[in-house]
């Protein structure tokens, strides 16, 4: 396998390329020269389009983008399409279940997981246990329920049989090794779930705690959910750290998701925004 590895000029720069080479891959490392200031600067998991472009330029089989502290990884396939944490988690969960190595046939994911992930897990007979957004909450739920696999869309994946936290290098090894063992491309592996278009709007508000009692907002949410039916999903939540309300809509098309997200965000801004 030929792999482009974006080290984000961070913690994994001195280790990750050698790990992947020792497993038999031809590695083209990029952004692997940290100088103490260039970490995550226009590269890595925060900018997966960078590694995707290099995969296309070099004709590589796959790309991997780690983040600066190397606790997460996102991928790119040979066509330059980005593979996110939901797709990695789905492929690994299905494989572990098929091997009889997924305790309770369950996986932990956050409330932000794509509806395509939820559908893929349901079709595979895997229970999804939801946590709040953030890898610390994923881990807490894994420990509470005894789950051994969990993660989030951003690329944090926790293999609790081998690590106590997200580890981008371990995620890289597990995902690429799964593709090699199955004799498929990473694109084929990622296709085990269909990713629905997802649109996010962050709306500045005066009092994020007032969201719970904002009847007009929840009426707008109900309207969107009714129109989408089983073909989409709406999630509206207050940020835990900023004066924002986050509006997320998934739908069969980008235009439809944006239409509903903008409509709900408009009501949030009118009801909870600045006077």
Protein backbone atom coordinates (compact mmCIF):
# COMPACT_ATOMS: atom_id res chain seq x y z
CA UNK A 1 0.00 0.00 0.00
CA UNK A 2 1.23 3.49 -0.84
CA UNK A 3 0.20 6.00 1.83
CA UNK A 4 0.49 9.77 2.13
CA UNK A 5 0.86 10.65 5.82
CA UNK A 6 0.22 14.21 7.01
CA UNK A 7 1.80 14.56 10.45
CA UNK A 8 0.40 18.07 11.09
CA UNK A 9 3.90 19.21 12.09
CA UNK A 10 3.07 17.74 15.46
CA UNK A 11 3.64 15.02 18.01
CA UNK A 12 3.59 12.08 15.58
CA UNK A 13 6.09 13.47 13.07
CA UNK A 14 9.03 11.46 14.38
CA UNK A 15 7.14 8.22 14.92
CA UNK A 16 4.13 7.71 12.62
CA UNK A 17 5.95 7.45 9.25
CA UNK A 18 8.31 4.79 10.62
CA UNK A 19 5.45 2.79 12.17
CA UNK A 20 3.57 2.64 8.87
CA UNK A 21 6.75 1.81 6.92
CA UNK A 22 7.57 -1.08 9.27
CA UNK A 23 4.14 -2.52 8.56
CA UNK A 24 5.03 -2.73 4.88
CA UNK A 25 3.66 0.44 3.32
CA UNK A 26 5.44 2.93 1.09
CA UNK A 27 5.04 6.19 2.98
CA UNK A 28 5.17 9.75 1.66
CA UNK A 29 5.31 11.89 4.79
CA UNK A 30 4.28 15.53 4.60
CA UNK A 31 4.18 18.27 7.22
CA UNK A 32 6.62 16.23 9.28
CA UNK A 33 9.02 19.02 10.27
CA UNK A 34 7.67 20.64 13.45
CA UNK A 35 9.45 23.81 14.55
CA UNK A 36 7.34 24.56 17.63
CA UNK A 37 5.17 27.09 15.79
CA UNK A 38 3.79 25.37 12.70
CA UNK A 39 1.69 22.67 14.43
CA UNK A 40 -1.70 22.22 12.69
CA UNK A 41 -0.91 25.22 10.50
CA UNK A 42 -2.85 24.65 7.28
CA UNK A 43 -2.36 20.90 7.57
CA UNK A 44 -3.31 17.69 9.33
CA UNK A 45 -6.75 16.52 10.40
CA UNK A 46 -7.99 20.11 10.57
CA UNK A 47 -7.31 20.43 6.83
CA UNK A 48 -7.85 16.95 5.32
CA UNK A 49 -8.10 18.44 1.84
CA UNK A 50 -4.30 18.83 1.96
CA UNK A 51 -3.56 15.12 2.23
CA UNK A 52 -6.40 14.33 -0.21
CA UNK A 53 -4.76 16.54 -2.85
CA UNK A 54 -1.40 14.82 -2.33
CA UNK A 55 -3.01 11.40 -2.69
CA UNK A 56 -4.34 12.44 -6.08
CA UNK A 57 -1.06 14.03 -7.14
CA UNK A 58 1.00 10.95 -6.23
CA UNK A 59 -1.55 8.32 -7.24
CA UNK A 60 -1.40 6.84 -3.73
CA UNK A 61 -3.76 4.22 -2.33
CA UNK A 62 -4.70 6.21 0.75
CA UNK A 63 -3.98 9.31 2.78
CA UNK A 64 -3.92 9.81 6.53
CA UNK A 65 -4.15 13.15 8.32
CA UNK A 66 -3.23 13.19 12.00
CA UNK A 67 -3.78 16.20 14.24
CA UNK A 68 -1.10 18.02 16.19
CA UNK A 69 -1.32 15.98 19.37
CA UNK A 70 -1.87 12.80 17.34
CA UNK A 71 -5.00 11.61 19.12
CA UNK A 72 -7.14 11.51 15.99
CA UNK A 73 -6.93 10.55 12.34
CA UNK A 74 -8.99 11.13 9.23
CA UNK A 75 -8.33 9.50 5.88
CA UNK A 76 -8.53 10.09 2.16
CA UNK A 77 -9.18 7.47 -0.51
CA UNK A 78 -7.51 7.13 -3.89
CA UNK A 79 -10.14 9.40 -5.46
CA UNK A 80 -9.32 12.20 -3.04
CA UNK A 81 -12.51 11.85 -1.01
CA UNK A 82 -12.20 12.38 2.75
CA UNK A 83 -13.11 9.51 5.10
CA UNK A 84 -14.20 10.74 8.52
CA UNK A 85 -14.31 9.16 11.96
CA UNK A 86 -17.87 7.90 11.57
CA UNK A 87 -16.87 5.84 8.53
CA UNK A 88 -13.77 4.48 10.26
CA UNK A 89 -15.80 3.59 13.33
CA UNK A 90 -18.48 1.89 11.23
CA UNK A 91 -16.01 -0.26 9.31
CA UNK A 92 -14.14 -1.30 12.46
CA UNK A 93 -17.35 -2.07 14.36
CA UNK A 94 -18.73 -4.26 11.59
CA UNK A 95 -15.43 -6.14 11.28
CA UNK A 96 -15.18 -6.74 15.03
CA UNK A 97 -18.77 -7.97 15.19
CA UNK A 98 -18.14 -10.38 12.32
CA UNK A 99 -15.16 -11.74 14.26
CA UNK A 100 -17.18 -12.04 17.47
CA UNK A 101 -14.91 -9.49 19.14
CA UNK A 102 -17.39 -6.67 19.78
CA UNK A 103 -18.64 -7.02 23.38
CA UNK A 104 -22.40 -6.71 23.58
CA UNK A 105 -22.48 -6.00 19.84
CA UNK A 106 -22.36 -2.35 20.85
CA UNK A 107 -20.38 0.76 19.96
CA UNK A 108 -20.29 4.21 21.56
CA UNK A 109 -20.68 7.32 19.41
CA UNK A 110 -21.73 10.91 20.05
CA UNK A 111 -25.06 12.58 19.38
CA UNK A 112 -23.37 14.25 16.38
CA UNK A 113 -22.75 10.99 14.56
CA UNK A 114 -24.07 10.98 11.02
CA UNK A 115 -27.45 9.38 10.41
CA UNK A 116 -25.69 7.17 7.87
CA UNK A 117 -23.61 5.72 10.71
CA UNK A 118 -26.73 4.99 12.75
CA UNK A 119 -28.36 3.24 9.79
CA UNK A 120 -25.25 1.19 9.00
CA UNK A 121 -25.04 0.02 12.59
CA UNK A 122 -28.74 -0.89 12.68
CA UNK A 123 -28.36 -2.93 9.49
CA UNK A 124 -25.36 -4.73 10.98
CA UNK A 125 -27.21 -5.50 14.22
CA UNK A 126 -24.96 -3.26 16.29
CA UNK A 127 -26.35 -1.15 19.13
CA UNK A 128 -25.22 2.49 19.23
CA UNK A 129 -24.85 3.95 22.71
CA UNK A 130 -24.85 7.75 22.52
CA UNK A 131 -22.66 10.13 24.49
CA UNK A 132 -22.21 13.88 24.61
CA UNK A 133 -19.78 15.42 22.12
CA UNK A 134 -16.15 15.00 23.13
CA UNK A 135 -13.84 12.04 23.36
CA UNK A 136 -13.79 12.20 27.18
CA UNK A 137 -17.55 11.61 27.19
CA UNK A 138 -17.18 8.78 24.68
CA UNK A 139 -14.66 7.11 26.99
CA UNK A 140 -16.86 7.63 30.05
CA UNK A 141 -19.77 5.92 28.31
CA UNK A 142 -17.51 3.09 27.13
CA UNK A 143 -16.31 2.45 30.67
CA UNK A 144 -19.85 2.72 32.06
CA UNK A 145 -21.29 0.20 29.59
CA UNK A 146 -18.28 -2.06 29.05
CA UNK A 147 -17.98 -1.15 25.36
CA UNK A 148 -14.57 -1.70 23.76
CA UNK A 149 -14.99 0.51 20.67
CA UNK A 150 -16.11 4.12 20.47
CA UNK A 151 -15.40 7.35 18.69
CA UNK A 152 -16.61 10.48 17.01
CA UNK A 153 -16.84 12.03 13.59
CA UNK A 154 -13.76 14.21 14.13
CA UNK A 155 -11.49 11.15 14.00
CA UNK A 156 -11.11 10.31 17.68
CA UNK A 157 -11.48 6.53 17.83
CA UNK A 158 -10.88 4.58 21.03
CA UNK A 159 -9.90 0.89 20.82
CA UNK A 160 -10.18 0.16 24.53
CA UNK A 161 -8.61 -3.28 24.19
CA UNK A 162 -5.35 -1.54 23.26
CA UNK A 163 -5.51 2.05 24.53
CA UNK A 164 -7.18 4.23 27.13
CA UNK A 165 -7.63 7.26 24.84
CA UNK A 166 -7.90 8.13 21.18
CA UNK A 167 -4.61 7.42 19.40
CA UNK A 168 -4.24 8.56 15.79
CA UNK A 169 -1.39 6.19 15.01
CA UNK A 170 -3.30 3.22 16.40
CA UNK A 171 -6.39 4.26 14.44
CA UNK A 172 -4.26 4.47 11.30
CA UNK A 173 -2.81 1.02 11.86
CA UNK A 174 -6.18 -0.57 12.62
CA UNK A 175 -8.00 0.97 9.65
CA UNK A 176 -5.30 0.42 7.02
CA UNK A 177 -4.60 -3.08 8.31
CA UNK A 178 -8.29 -3.90 8.09
CA UNK A 179 -8.32 -2.85 4.43
CA UNK A 180 -5.21 -4.91 3.72
CA UNK A 181 -6.54 -7.97 5.54
CA UNK A 182 -9.91 -7.74 3.77
CA UNK A 183 -8.24 -7.22 0.40
CA UNK A 184 -10.20 -4.06 -0.32
CA UNK A 185 -9.40 -0.39 -0.85
CA UNK A 186 -10.04 2.15 1.88
CA UNK A 187 -12.76 3.57 -0.34
CA UNK A 188 -14.55 0.21 -0.33
CA UNK A 189 -14.06 -0.05 3.41
CA UNK A 190 -15.54 3.40 4.01
CA UNK A 191 -18.52 2.59 1.81
CA UNK A 192 -19.86 0.31 4.54
CA UNK A 193 -21.81 3.40 5.57
CA UNK A 194 -23.43 6.04 3.41
CA UNK A 195 -22.61 9.50 4.74
CA UNK A 196 -25.61 11.82 4.58
CA UNK A 197 -24.97 15.52 3.83
CA UNK A 198 -24.65 17.36 7.13
CA UNK A 199 -25.01 21.11 7.58
CA UNK A 200 -24.08 22.95 10.77
CA UNK A 201 -25.01 26.49 11.79
CA UNK A 202 -23.59 28.14 14.92
CA UNK A 203 -25.91 30.91 16.11
CA UNK A 204 -24.67 33.54 18.62
CA UNK A 205 -27.16 33.95 21.49
CA UNK A 206 -27.47 36.04 24.63
CA UNK A 207 -28.33 33.17 26.96
CA UNK A 208 -27.72 29.65 25.72
CA UNK A 209 -29.55 28.23 28.76
CA UNK A 210 -32.75 29.81 27.46
CA UNK A 211 -32.85 27.34 24.58
CA UNK A 212 -34.70 24.73 26.62
CA UNK A 213 -37.74 26.95 27.07
CA UNK A 214 -37.75 28.52 23.58
CA UNK A 215 -41.05 27.18 22.25
CA UNK A 216 -40.72 28.82 18.83
CA UNK A 217 -37.38 27.11 18.26
CA UNK A 218 -38.70 23.66 19.12
CA UNK A 219 -41.73 24.27 16.94
CA UNK A 220 -39.38 24.99 14.02
CA UNK A 221 -37.44 21.83 14.84
CA UNK A 222 -40.63 19.76 14.87
CA UNK A 223 -41.65 21.20 11.50
CA UNK A 224 -38.30 20.27 9.94
CA UNK A 225 -38.40 16.78 11.46
CA UNK A 226 -41.91 16.24 10.13
CA UNK A 227 -40.89 17.28 6.61
CA UNK A 228 -37.73 15.16 6.65
CA UNK A 229 -39.35 12.08 8.16
CA UNK A 230 -37.02 9.08 8.19
CA UNK A 231 -34.79 10.60 5.51
CA UNK A 232 -33.00 13.06 7.79
CA UNK A 233 -32.21 14.22 11.29
CA UNK A 234 -32.22 17.47 13.25
CA UNK A 235 -30.13 18.23 16.33
CA UNK A 236 -30.24 21.57 18.14
CA UNK A 237 -28.12 22.03 21.26
CA UNK A 238 -26.49 24.76 23.29
CA UNK A 239 -22.71 24.90 23.22
CA UNK A 240 -21.15 23.79 26.45
CA UNK A 241 -18.46 26.48 26.36
CA UNK A 242 -19.55 29.37 24.12
CA UNK A 243 -22.61 31.66 23.83
CA UNK A 244 -23.82 29.68 20.83
CA UNK A 245 -26.64 27.39 19.82
CA UNK A 246 -25.57 24.74 17.34
CA UNK A 247 -28.05 23.69 14.67
CA UNK A 248 -27.26 20.50 12.77
CA UNK A 249 -29.40 19.04 9.98
CA UNK A 250 -28.81 15.91 7.92
CA UNK A 251 -30.80 15.24 4.77
CA UNK A 252 -30.53 13.37 1.46
CA UNK A 253 -29.08 16.49 -0.25
CA UNK A 254 -26.91 19.44 0.75
CA UNK A 255 -29.55 21.90 -0.44
CA UNK A 256 -32.30 20.34 1.65
CA UNK A 257 -30.09 20.16 4.73
CA UNK A 258 -29.06 23.80 4.31
CA UNK A 259 -32.68 24.88 3.80
CA UNK A 260 -33.82 23.40 7.11
CA UNK A 261 -30.68 24.42 9.01
CA UNK A 262 -31.05 28.03 7.87
CA UNK A 263 -34.74 28.10 8.74
CA UNK A 264 -34.14 26.83 12.29
CA UNK A 265 -31.05 29.05 12.76
CA UNK A 266 -33.15 32.04 11.74
CA UNK A 267 -35.69 31.30 14.49
CA UNK A 268 -32.91 30.75 17.03
CA UNK A 269 -31.38 34.11 16.13
CA UNK A 270 -34.72 35.89 16.32
CA UNK A 271 -35.76 34.37 19.64
CA UNK A 272 -32.44 34.06 21.48
CA UNK A 273 -30.04 36.36 19.63
CA UNK A 274 -28.97 39.89 20.41
CA UNK A 275 -31.81 42.47 20.55
